[in-house]
Amino acid sequence: MPRPLRHRLVAEYLGSLLLAALVIGSGIAAQRLSPGDVGLQLLENAAATAVGLYALILVFGPVSGGHLNPAVSLADAVFGGLAWRDVPAYAVVQVLGCVTGAVLANVMFDAAPVSISTTERATAGHALSEVVATAGLLLVIFSLVRSGRSALAPSAVGAYIGAAYFFTSSTSFANPAITAGRVFSDSFAGIAPSSAPVYVLAQVVGVAVAVPLLRLLHPDPVATAAPVTEGRAR
């Protein structure tokens, strides 16, 4: 039986806050630890995000599904795992959590609490990368869920996101909430406000690509009591 909505929303808020603090904080640390070496900075940022995401899903998955991502919540509703009436509330707390997490990361590294990013990322290649990254993330999550292997999702999602940092030119945001949060940190992981809408639109397209593919690949989901995590994861 699902936990009360207020419990699930607290879990989604805290998980999203920690996700943003993890992504942005490790990006700031990488910048400072490896100045002048962008490749090493990306490796450090990706490694921290991959293992941290795995831990966050294990912690919050049993409470809320551990979505931490409006794209995952939307897809979960399409497949009947999350009530449609709960999707807006999930999305709101995910965005608020990621913005709060960005502020927390800035403060932990003695930067201004809010610093709007100036990193422009909105190219055609970046947009295509976000479609691929988001669709791929959902394929990883819901292929496991619909084939009765949800227990593997935390490690699979961490591995996928870590790899996608390198095989996508956008470094795989794949999450509208984390995209919004990254606007509020002018750091290695930041994104300029003018670029964020392109990313969010591409992520929505990624959901639209993934859903029919999942229905084709897994038309008859296996019954399972395990939760969706980010999935049941950015």
Protein backbone atom coordinates (compact mmCIF):
# COMPACT_ATOMS: atom_id res chain seq x y z
CA MET A 1 0.00 0.00 0.00
CA PRO A 2 1.44 3.45 -0.92
CA ARG A 3 2.69 5.66 1.87
CA PRO A 4 0.63 8.81 2.63
CA LEU A 5 1.20 11.54 0.06
CA ARG A 6 2.78 13.90 2.59
CA HIS A 7 5.40 11.28 3.45
CA ARG A 8 6.16 10.68 -0.22
CA LEU A 9 6.47 14.39 -0.92
CA VAL A 10 8.90 14.89 1.96
CA ALA A 11 11.00 12.02 0.59
CA GLU A 12 10.95 13.47 -2.94
CA TYR A 13 11.89 16.92 -1.63
CA LEU A 14 14.78 15.65 0.49
CA GLY A 15 16.00 13.28 -2.21
CA SER A 16 15.92 16.02 -4.84
CA LEU A 17 17.68 18.44 -2.49
CA LEU A 18 20.47 15.94 -1.88
CA LEU A 19 20.66 15.07 -5.58
CA ALA A 20 21.24 18.71 -6.52
CA ALA A 21 23.72 19.20 -3.69
CA LEU A 22 25.53 16.07 -4.89
CA VAL A 23 25.69 17.08 -8.56
CA ILE A 24 26.54 20.73 -7.99
CA GLY A 25 28.72 20.25 -4.93
CA SER A 26 30.86 17.59 -6.60
CA GLY A 27 31.14 19.87 -9.63
CA ILE A 28 32.43 22.74 -7.50
CA ALA A 29 34.83 20.41 -5.70
CA ALA A 30 36.10 19.04 -9.00
CA GLN A 31 36.69 22.56 -10.28
CA ARG A 32 38.78 23.40 -7.24
CA LEU A 33 40.63 20.10 -6.96
CA SER A 34 41.58 19.87 -10.64
CA PRO A 35 41.87 23.42 -11.99
CA GLY A 36 42.58 23.60 -15.69
CA ASP A 37 41.75 19.93 -16.39
CA VAL A 38 38.16 19.81 -17.62
CA GLY A 39 38.31 16.10 -18.43
CA LEU A 40 39.34 15.21 -14.90
CA GLN A 41 36.73 17.57 -13.50
CA LEU A 42 34.03 15.80 -15.51
CA LEU A 43 35.28 12.38 -14.37
CA GLU A 44 35.18 13.42 -10.72
CA ASN A 45 31.73 14.97 -11.10
CA ALA A 46 30.38 11.90 -12.93
CA ALA A 47 31.83 9.39 -10.45
CA ALA A 48 30.41 11.22 -7.44
CA THR A 49 27.01 11.57 -9.09
CA ALA A 50 26.84 7.90 -10.10
CA VAL A 51 27.59 6.48 -6.66
CA GLY A 52 25.63 9.16 -4.82
CA LEU A 53 22.54 8.61 -6.94
CA TYR A 54 22.69 4.89 -6.19
CA ALA A 55 22.66 5.66 -2.45
CA LEU A 56 19.84 8.20 -2.72
CA ILE A 57 17.59 5.76 -4.56
CA LEU A 58 18.20 3.12 -1.89
CA VAL A 59 17.25 5.60 0.84
CA PHE A 60 14.17 7.23 -0.67
CA GLY A 61 12.89 4.53 -3.04
CA PRO A 62 10.95 2.61 -0.38
CA VAL A 63 9.09 5.77 0.66
CA SER A 64 8.20 7.60 -2.56
CA GLY A 65 9.58 5.48 -5.37
CA GLY A 66 12.72 7.61 -5.39
CA HIS A 67 11.81 9.38 -8.62
CA LEU A 68 13.68 12.65 -7.90
CA ASN A 69 12.77 13.60 -11.46
CA PRO A 70 9.50 14.85 -13.03
CA ALA A 71 10.23 12.83 -16.17
CA VAL A 72 10.28 9.62 -14.12
CA SER A 73 7.09 10.62 -12.29
CA LEU A 74 5.35 11.36 -15.58
CA ALA A 75 6.37 8.03 -17.08
CA ASP A 76 5.35 6.21 -13.91
CA ALA A 77 1.89 7.77 -14.15
CA VAL A 78 1.61 6.72 -17.81
CA PHE A 79 2.31 3.12 -16.77
CA GLY A 80 -0.08 3.25 -13.82
CA GLY A 81 2.42 3.26 -10.98
CA LEU A 82 1.73 6.81 -9.77
CA ALA A 83 -1.71 8.43 -9.62
CA TRP A 84 -2.04 11.26 -12.13
CA ARG A 85 -3.36 13.53 -9.38
CA ASP A 86 -0.01 13.17 -7.54
CA VAL A 87 2.19 14.09 -10.52
CA PRO A 88 1.98 17.90 -10.10
CA ALA A 89 2.81 17.69 -6.40
CA TYR A 90 5.76 15.39 -7.09
CA ALA A 91 7.06 17.77 -9.77
CA VAL A 92 6.74 20.85 -7.56
CA VAL A 93 8.64 19.36 -4.62
CA GLN A 94 11.29 17.91 -6.95
CA VAL A 95 11.96 21.36 -8.43
CA LEU A 96 11.92 23.05 -5.03
CA GLY A 97 14.25 20.39 -3.67
CA CYS A 98 16.74 20.83 -6.50
CA VAL A 99 16.75 24.63 -6.16
CA THR A 100 17.29 24.30 -2.39
CA GLY A 101 20.04 21.78 -3.01
CA ALA A 102 21.80 24.19 -5.37
CA VAL A 103 21.75 26.89 -2.69
CA LEU A 104 23.04 24.39 -0.13
CA ALA A 105 25.92 23.35 -2.40
CA ASN A 106 26.90 26.98 -3.00
CA VAL A 107 26.93 27.73 0.73
CA MET A 108 28.89 24.58 1.62
CA PHE A 109 31.69 25.81 -0.65
CA ASP A 110 31.60 29.38 0.72
CA ALA A 111 30.10 30.80 -2.47
CA ALA A 112 27.16 33.19 -2.71
CA PRO A 113 23.96 31.30 -1.81
CA VAL A 114 22.47 32.13 -5.20
CA SER A 115 24.61 32.75 -8.27
CA ILE A 116 22.84 32.54 -11.62
CA SER A 117 24.81 30.42 -14.06
CA THR A 118 26.29 31.98 -17.18
CA THR A 119 27.10 28.67 -18.90
CA GLU A 120 25.30 28.58 -22.25
CA ARG A 121 24.49 25.02 -23.34
CA ALA A 122 21.62 25.34 -25.82
CA THR A 123 22.92 23.88 -29.07
CA ALA A 124 21.24 21.35 -31.34
CA GLY A 125 23.70 18.72 -30.17
CA HIS A 126 22.90 19.42 -26.54
CA ALA A 127 19.16 19.21 -27.20
CA LEU A 128 19.51 15.89 -29.02
CA SER A 129 21.70 14.64 -26.19
CA GLU A 130 19.00 15.43 -23.66
CA VAL A 131 16.40 13.53 -25.70
CA VAL A 132 18.73 10.52 -25.80
CA ALA A 133 19.77 10.84 -22.15
CA THR A 134 16.18 11.08 -20.88
CA ALA A 135 14.80 8.35 -23.09
CA GLY A 136 17.72 6.11 -22.14
CA LEU A 137 17.20 6.73 -18.43
CA LEU A 138 13.53 5.81 -18.68
CA LEU A 139 14.36 2.71 -20.72
CA VAL A 140 16.78 1.60 -18.01
CA ILE A 141 14.30 2.20 -15.19
CA PHE A 142 11.09 0.89 -16.67
CA SER A 143 12.61 -2.03 -18.55
CA LEU A 144 13.72 -3.30 -15.15
CA VAL A 145 10.42 -2.47 -13.48
CA ARG A 146 8.25 -4.01 -16.20
CA SER A 147 10.38 -7.19 -16.31
CA GLY A 148 10.22 -7.73 -12.55
CA ARG A 149 13.81 -6.66 -11.81
CA SER A 150 13.22 -3.43 -9.88
CA ALA A 151 15.83 -4.35 -7.27
CA LEU A 152 18.53 -3.72 -9.88
CA ALA A 153 17.31 -0.18 -10.65
CA PRO A 154 19.44 1.78 -8.13
CA SER A 155 22.73 0.40 -9.40
CA ALA A 156 21.63 0.45 -13.05
CA VAL A 157 20.53 4.08 -12.87
CA GLY A 158 23.76 5.15 -11.18
CA ALA A 159 25.79 3.30 -13.81
CA TYR A 160 23.77 4.76 -16.69
CA ILE A 161 23.99 8.35 -15.48
CA GLY A 162 27.72 8.00 -14.81
CA ALA A 163 28.26 6.72 -18.35
CA ALA A 164 25.92 9.29 -19.90
CA TYR A 165 28.05 12.12 -18.51
CA PHE A 166 30.54 11.08 -21.19
CA PHE A 167 28.54 9.75 -24.13
CA THR A 168 26.24 12.81 -24.35
CA SER A 169 27.49 16.30 -25.14
CA SER A 170 25.06 17.75 -22.58
CA THR A 171 26.52 15.59 -19.74
CA SER A 172 23.09 14.02 -19.29
CA PHE A 173 20.91 16.25 -17.14
CA ALA A 174 17.89 14.05 -18.08
CA ASN A 175 15.79 15.72 -15.39
CA PRO A 176 13.74 18.95 -15.55
CA ALA A 177 14.06 19.52 -11.79
CA ILE A 178 17.86 19.27 -11.72
CA THR A 179 17.96 21.49 -14.82
CA ALA A 180 16.07 24.17 -12.87
CA GLY A 181 18.31 23.73 -9.84
CA ARG A 182 21.53 24.07 -11.82
CA VAL A 183 20.46 27.53 -12.99
CA PHE A 184 21.12 28.77 -9.45
CA SER A 185 24.83 27.92 -9.31
CA ASP A 186 27.37 29.64 -11.55
CA SER A 187 29.73 26.69 -11.34
CA PHE A 188 31.00 23.70 -13.31
CA ALA A 189 27.54 22.06 -13.21
CA GLY A 190 25.53 25.19 -13.94
CA ILE A 191 23.31 26.07 -16.88
CA ALA A 192 22.29 29.53 -18.02
CA PRO A 193 18.58 30.42 -17.66
CA SER A 194 18.34 30.95 -21.43
CA SER A 195 19.47 27.36 -22.05
CA ALA A 196 17.25 25.64 -19.47
CA PRO A 197 13.97 25.71 -21.48
CA VAL A 198 15.66 23.92 -24.39
CA TYR A 199 16.81 21.19 -22.03
CA VAL A 200 13.40 20.79 -20.41
CA LEU A 201 11.66 20.60 -23.79
CA ALA A 202 14.17 17.98 -24.97
CA GLN A 203 13.58 15.99 -21.78
CA VAL A 204 9.82 16.00 -22.41
CA VAL A 205 10.50 14.75 -25.93
CA GLY A 206 12.65 12.03 -24.35
CA VAL A 207 9.63 10.87 -22.32
CA ALA A 208 7.52 10.80 -25.50
CA VAL A 209 10.17 8.67 -27.21
CA ALA A 210 10.65 6.25 -24.31
CA VAL A 211 7.00 5.42 -23.55
CA PRO A 212 6.10 3.76 -26.88
CA LEU A 213 9.46 1.98 -26.96
CA LEU A 214 8.79 0.53 -23.52
CA ARG A 215 5.31 -0.58 -24.54
CA LEU A 216 6.84 -2.30 -27.56
CA LEU A 217 9.68 -3.96 -25.65
CA HIS A 218 7.70 -4.86 -22.54
CA PRO A 219 4.01 -5.06 -23.50
CA ASP A 220 3.13 -7.38 -20.60
CA PRO A 221 4.75 -6.16 -17.36
CA VAL A 222 5.64 -8.76 -14.76
CA ALA A 223 3.83 -8.28 -11.45
CA THR A 224 6.25 -7.04 -8.80
CA ALA A 225 5.93 -5.52 -5.35
CA ALA A 226 9.18 -3.55 -5.65
CA PRO A 227 8.86 0.26 -5.96
CA VAL A 228 9.77 2.34 -8.97
CA THR A 229 12.95 4.28 -8.28
CA GLU A 230 14.91 6.77 -10.24
CA GLY A 231 13.57 5.08 -10.57
CA ARG A 232 11.24 2.60 -8.81
CA ALA A 233 15.78 7.89 -10.86
CA ARG A 234 19.17 13.82 -12.84
